[in-house]
Amino acid sequence: MGRKTWSCVGCIHKKGKCHLPVASGLPHAELLRQQVEASRENGDLLRELLGVVMEQTTLIRELLEETKEIRVESRKSGKLTRSYIQDGVDSVTKSVIDIGDRLMLNGNAST
């Protein structure tokens, strides 16, 4: 059995037969255009997320280097500096969660 096809005017598929149901009542060309636009927006958000992750990775590396120095100093002075390290981790987590939320909202809006 083959897939059910619909006749659609202005379809980009061969002979006007398409495998996309017109659930929204929109012509298929418009439906496809909206899907492409949503994909582009998601791609932009993913690129932004990658940029934040790369930036935060750099910050984490710097924090780790500073942590090594802090550990040496804290052994000498007896002070604990856990809150300084936790602030850096919280910043990374918040940035990633914020962009993840935007991706999910955009994904829900495009469906």
Protein backbone atom coordinates (compact mmCIF):
# COMPACT_ATOMS: atom_id res chain seq x y z
CA MET A 1 0.00 0.00 0.00
CA GLY A 2 1.25 3.42 -0.92
CA ARG A 3 0.90 6.58 1.14
CA LYS A 4 -2.27 8.58 0.70
CA THR A 5 -1.76 11.65 -1.45
CA TRP A 6 -3.70 14.87 -1.78
CA SER A 7 -4.08 17.08 -4.79
CA CYS A 8 -2.82 20.53 -4.00
CA VAL A 9 -2.55 23.67 -6.07
CA GLY A 10 0.95 25.16 -6.27
CA CYS A 11 2.58 22.15 -4.66
CA ILE A 12 6.31 21.76 -5.13
CA HIS A 13 5.94 18.00 -5.48
CA LYS A 14 5.61 16.24 -8.79
CA LYS A 15 2.24 16.36 -10.58
CA GLY A 16 0.56 18.22 -7.72
CA LYS A 17 0.40 15.12 -5.53
CA CYS A 18 1.56 15.70 -2.00
CA HIS A 19 2.01 13.55 1.10
CA LEU A 20 1.30 16.42 3.49
CA PRO A 21 -2.21 16.59 4.91
CA VAL A 22 -3.69 20.08 4.94
CA ALA A 23 -4.75 20.00 8.59
CA SER A 24 -4.43 23.74 9.02
CA GLY A 25 -6.42 24.57 5.90
CA LEU A 26 -3.40 26.35 4.43
CA PRO A 27 -2.09 25.60 0.95
CA HIS A 28 0.86 23.21 1.15
CA ALA A 29 3.31 25.79 -0.16
CA GLU A 30 2.41 28.08 2.77
CA LEU A 31 2.60 25.19 5.24
CA LEU A 32 6.06 24.26 3.94
CA ARG A 33 7.16 27.91 4.09
CA GLN A 34 6.13 28.11 7.75
CA GLN A 35 7.99 24.89 8.56
CA VAL A 36 11.14 26.19 6.86
CA GLU A 37 10.89 29.49 8.75
CA ALA A 38 10.49 27.67 12.09
CA SER A 39 13.50 25.50 11.23
CA ARG A 40 15.58 28.60 10.49
CA GLU A 41 14.59 30.17 13.82
CA ASN A 42 15.49 26.96 15.63
CA GLY A 43 18.82 26.90 13.78
CA ASP A 44 19.51 30.47 14.90
CA LEU A 45 18.70 29.56 18.50
CA LEU A 46 20.90 26.48 18.30
CA ARG A 47 23.79 28.58 16.95
CA GLU A 48 23.23 31.03 19.83
CA LEU A 49 23.18 28.14 22.30
CA LEU A 50 26.42 26.78 20.84
CA GLY A 51 28.01 30.22 21.21
CA VAL A 52 26.92 30.43 24.85
CA VAL A 53 28.15 26.90 25.54
CA MET A 54 31.52 27.70 23.97
CA GLU A 55 31.76 30.94 25.97
CA GLN A 56 30.75 29.19 29.18
CA THR A 57 33.22 26.38 28.47
CA THR A 58 35.97 28.98 28.28
CA LEU A 59 34.77 30.47 31.56
CA ILE A 60 34.70 27.03 33.17
CA ARG A 61 38.28 26.41 32.06
CA GLU A 62 39.29 29.74 33.56
CA LEU A 63 37.41 28.90 36.77
CA LEU A 64 39.14 25.54 36.97
CA GLU A 65 42.53 27.20 36.59
CA GLU A 66 41.62 29.74 39.27
CA THR A 67 40.26 26.94 41.45
CA LYS A 68 43.64 25.23 41.37
CA GLU A 69 45.23 28.46 42.58
CA ILE A 70 42.48 28.98 45.18
CA ARG A 71 42.96 25.45 46.52
CA VAL A 72 46.64 26.13 47.08
CA GLU A 73 45.87 29.45 48.79
CA SER A 74 43.01 28.02 50.87
CA ARG A 75 45.23 25.23 52.15
CA LYS A 76 47.65 27.88 53.32
CA SER A 77 45.03 30.21 54.82
CA GLY A 78 42.38 27.65 55.77
CA LYS A 79 39.58 29.56 53.96
CA LEU A 80 36.93 27.90 51.80
CA THR A 81 35.90 29.56 48.54
CA ARG A 82 33.10 27.24 47.44
CA SER A 83 30.60 30.09 46.86
CA TYR A 84 32.86 31.68 44.22
CA ILE A 85 32.96 28.44 42.23
CA GLN A 86 29.20 27.84 42.66
CA ASP A 87 28.45 31.33 41.26
CA GLY A 88 30.24 30.36 38.04
CA VAL A 89 28.37 27.06 37.78
CA ASP A 90 25.03 28.81 38.41
CA SER A 91 25.78 31.30 35.63
CA VAL A 92 26.48 28.52 33.11
CA THR A 93 23.35 26.61 34.11
CA LYS A 94 21.10 29.67 33.86
CA SER A 95 22.37 30.59 30.39
CA VAL A 96 21.84 27.11 28.99
CA ILE A 97 18.38 26.76 30.58
CA ASP A 98 17.25 30.16 29.24
CA ILE A 99 18.18 29.27 25.66
CA GLY A 100 16.75 25.75 26.04
CA ASP A 101 13.43 27.28 27.14
CA ARG A 102 13.41 29.57 24.11
CA LEU A 103 14.05 26.58 21.83
CA MET A 104 11.16 24.66 23.35
CA LEU A 105 8.82 27.65 23.06
CA ASN A 106 9.80 28.14 19.43
CA GLY A 107 9.33 24.43 18.74
CA ASN A 108 5.85 24.47 20.25
CA ALA A 109 4.91 27.59 18.27
CA SER A 110 5.99 26.01 14.98
CA THR A 111 3.85 22.89 15.37
